[in-house]
Amino acid sequence: MAKTPAAQGAKKTPSRAKARRKAALATPTSLPTNAVTDIAGAMNALLADTFALYLKTKNFHWHMSGPHFRDYHLLLDEQADQILATTDDMAERVRKIGGTTLRSIGHIARLQRVADNDADFVTPHSMLAELRQDTLDYVVRLREVHDLCDDHDDVATESLIENWIDEAERRAWFLFEASRGT
């Protein structure tokens, strides 16, 4: 049985609607499509890691204990604030180049490479050591994305990443120094 023109049009509507939804997010950019795809993917993975590192830092901040409680508690709160402050710049950079970014906690969970720590108790020394290593691993991933941006001549994203590397290295240094002798 032949489909009527109305039935044929109805069947095509969802794909046209989907195309219109995507078109609304198509930010003009001078970067080639493959660069946008590569950089947006890498930046979204970094963004997921950033949210995971933020939440782990806050977890340890909330569950800190021991004789250095106040100093460590304040250190982790300061570091968490700095980590969270980068998330908007990361997501907005993805959008500026024409990509789309994270949409949910589930999306973060699928992309994050920073391991969660759901333990009921973690010693202060272990908290600092774990965050220090996570931060050093994060710096490695920042450098990898920096190299990818360099390959695609995306100097604006490179510039942002250079600042995030400096901030993360400072956090790792503070975590190292705070944990010496414990």
Protein backbone atom coordinates (compact mmCIF):
# COMPACT_ATOMS: atom_id res chain seq x y z
CA MET A 1 0.00 0.00 0.00
CA ALA A 2 1.42 3.37 -1.02
CA LYS A 3 1.99 6.01 1.65
CA THR A 4 0.18 9.28 1.35
CA PRO A 5 2.22 12.46 1.07
CA ALA A 6 1.07 13.41 4.57
CA ALA A 7 2.31 10.11 5.99
CA GLN A 8 5.62 10.46 4.17
CA GLY A 9 6.05 14.01 5.52
CA ALA A 10 5.18 12.90 9.05
CA LYS A 11 7.87 10.26 8.91
CA LYS A 12 10.49 12.81 7.82
CA THR A 13 9.54 15.38 10.48
CA PRO A 14 11.49 13.81 13.36
CA SER A 15 14.74 13.84 11.38
CA ARG A 16 14.12 17.42 10.24
CA ALA A 17 13.33 18.44 13.80
CA LYS A 18 16.49 16.74 15.01
CA ALA A 19 18.53 18.54 12.35
CA ARG A 20 16.99 21.88 13.37
CA ARG A 21 17.82 21.24 17.03
CA LYS A 22 21.45 20.57 16.16
CA ALA A 23 21.59 23.51 13.76
CA ALA A 24 20.57 25.86 16.57
CA LEU A 25 23.80 24.94 18.38
CA ALA A 26 26.07 25.21 15.33
CA THR A 27 28.30 28.06 16.45
CA PRO A 28 30.34 29.51 13.57
CA THR A 29 34.06 28.83 13.85
CA SER A 30 37.12 29.01 11.66
CA LEU A 31 38.28 25.62 12.92
CA PRO A 32 37.70 22.66 10.60
CA THR A 33 34.98 20.18 11.56
CA ASN A 34 37.48 17.48 12.53
CA ALA A 35 39.24 19.93 14.87
CA VAL A 36 35.96 20.84 16.56
CA THR A 37 35.11 17.16 16.99
CA ASP A 38 38.55 16.28 18.38
CA ILE A 39 38.90 19.28 20.67
CA ALA A 40 35.31 19.20 21.94
CA GLY A 41 35.65 15.50 22.76
CA ALA A 42 38.92 16.01 24.58
CA MET A 43 37.65 19.07 26.42
CA ASN A 44 34.49 17.27 27.52
CA ALA A 45 36.59 14.47 28.99
CA LEU A 46 38.68 17.13 30.80
CA LEU A 47 35.49 18.79 32.00
CA ALA A 48 34.22 15.47 33.36
CA ASP A 49 37.56 14.96 35.14
CA THR A 50 37.34 18.49 36.52
CA PHE A 51 33.90 17.88 38.00
CA ALA A 52 35.05 14.52 39.41
CA LEU A 53 38.17 16.11 40.93
CA TYR A 54 36.06 18.93 42.35
CA LEU A 55 33.64 16.54 44.02
CA LYS A 56 36.43 14.34 45.37
CA THR A 57 38.16 17.42 46.80
CA LYS A 58 34.90 18.53 48.45
CA ASN A 59 34.32 14.98 49.75
CA PHE A 60 37.73 15.01 51.42
CA HIS A 61 37.15 18.58 52.63
CA TRP A 62 33.86 17.51 54.29
CA HIS A 63 35.35 14.36 55.81
CA MET A 64 38.72 15.68 56.95
CA SER A 65 39.71 14.85 60.53
CA GLY A 66 42.72 14.90 62.81
CA PRO A 67 45.12 17.39 64.36
CA HIS A 68 45.59 19.37 61.12
CA PHE A 69 41.86 19.47 60.43
CA ARG A 70 41.52 23.24 60.10
CA ASP A 71 44.52 23.73 57.79
CA TYR A 72 43.62 20.79 55.52
CA HIS A 73 39.92 21.64 55.56
CA LEU A 74 40.64 25.21 54.42
CA LEU A 75 43.25 24.08 51.87
CA LEU A 76 40.83 21.65 50.24
CA ASP A 77 38.02 24.19 50.25
CA GLU A 78 40.26 26.72 48.49
CA GLN A 79 41.38 24.12 45.97
CA ALA A 80 37.81 22.97 45.30
CA ASP A 81 36.76 26.56 44.61
CA GLN A 82 39.61 26.95 42.12
CA ILE A 83 38.77 23.67 40.38
CA LEU A 84 35.08 24.54 40.09
CA ALA A 85 35.94 27.99 38.70
CA THR A 86 37.50 26.37 35.61
CA THR A 87 34.40 24.40 34.63
CA ASP A 88 32.48 27.28 33.07
CA ASP A 89 35.47 28.39 31.00
CA MET A 90 35.96 24.82 29.76
CA ALA A 91 32.34 24.32 28.79
CA GLU A 92 32.07 27.75 27.20
CA ARG A 93 35.22 27.13 25.17
CA VAL A 94 33.67 23.96 23.76
CA ARG A 95 30.59 25.96 22.77
CA LYS A 96 32.66 28.81 21.29
CA ILE A 97 34.31 26.43 18.84
CA GLY A 98 30.98 24.91 17.82
CA GLY A 99 30.87 21.80 19.99
CA THR A 100 28.35 20.68 22.55
CA THR A 101 29.26 19.91 26.10
CA LEU A 102 28.27 17.83 29.12
CA ARG A 103 24.59 17.57 29.90
CA SER A 104 24.29 15.51 33.08
CA ILE A 105 25.92 13.72 36.00
CA GLY A 106 25.55 10.51 33.98
CA HIS A 107 27.47 12.08 31.11
CA ILE A 108 30.23 13.06 33.54
CA ALA A 109 30.32 9.52 34.95
CA ARG A 110 30.72 8.05 31.47
CA LEU A 111 33.69 10.30 30.62
CA GLN A 112 35.55 10.83 33.90
CA ARG A 113 38.94 9.26 34.44
CA VAL A 114 39.37 10.48 38.03
CA ALA A 115 38.43 7.54 40.26
CA ASP A 116 35.77 8.16 42.89
CA ASN A 117 36.53 7.46 46.54
CA ASP A 118 33.41 6.35 48.40
CA ALA A 119 35.23 4.95 51.44
CA ASP A 120 33.63 5.59 54.81
CA PHE A 121 36.96 6.73 56.25
CA VAL A 122 40.16 7.91 54.61
CA THR A 123 43.11 9.14 56.64
CA PRO A 124 44.12 12.76 56.11
CA HIS A 125 47.50 11.68 54.70
CA SER A 126 45.80 9.32 52.23
CA MET A 127 43.38 12.06 51.19
CA LEU A 128 46.20 14.47 50.41
CA ALA A 129 48.25 11.81 48.63
CA GLU A 130 45.29 10.67 46.51
CA LEU A 131 44.35 14.21 45.53
CA ARG A 132 47.99 15.00 44.74
CA GLN A 133 48.25 12.00 42.40
CA ASP A 134 44.87 12.74 40.81
CA THR A 135 46.02 16.30 40.22
CA LEU A 136 49.32 15.20 38.68
CA ASP A 137 47.43 12.79 36.40
CA TYR A 138 45.07 15.64 35.52
CA VAL A 139 48.06 17.79 34.51
CA VAL A 140 49.20 15.02 32.16
CA ARG A 141 45.76 15.00 30.51
CA LEU A 142 45.77 18.81 30.29
CA ARG A 143 49.09 18.64 28.46
CA GLU A 144 47.72 16.01 26.07
CA VAL A 145 44.76 18.22 25.19
CA HIS A 146 47.12 21.19 24.85
CA ASP A 147 49.11 19.19 22.29
CA LEU A 148 45.90 18.29 20.44
CA CYS A 149 44.92 21.97 20.32
CA ASP A 150 48.38 22.81 19.02
CA ASP A 151 47.95 20.21 16.26
CA HIS A 152 44.71 21.97 15.23
CA ASP A 153 46.11 25.50 15.67
CA ASP A 154 43.56 26.35 18.39
CA VAL A 155 45.67 28.89 20.24
CA ALA A 156 42.81 30.22 22.37
CA THR A 157 42.14 26.83 23.96
CA GLU A 158 45.89 26.28 24.34
CA SER A 159 46.17 29.55 26.23
CA LEU A 160 43.40 28.61 28.65
CA ILE A 161 44.93 25.19 29.23
CA GLU A 162 48.32 26.74 30.02
CA ASN A 163 46.72 28.63 32.91
CA TRP A 164 44.91 25.50 34.13
CA ILE A 165 48.18 23.56 34.07
CA ASP A 166 49.85 26.24 36.20
CA GLU A 167 46.96 26.23 38.69
CA ALA A 168 46.88 22.42 38.90
CA GLU A 169 50.65 22.21 39.40
CA ARG A 170 50.33 24.70 42.25
CA ARG A 171 47.57 22.59 43.84
CA ALA A 172 49.74 19.46 43.55
CA TRP A 173 52.67 21.31 45.11
CA PHE A 174 50.53 22.48 48.05
CA LEU A 175 49.15 18.95 48.57
CA PHE A 176 52.69 17.58 48.53
CA GLU A 177 54.01 20.13 51.01
CA ALA A 178 51.01 19.76 53.30
CA SER A 179 51.53 16.02 53.50
CA ARG A 180 55.28 16.06 54.21
CA GLY A 181 56.18 14.46 57.49
CA THR A 182 52.72 13.02 58.12
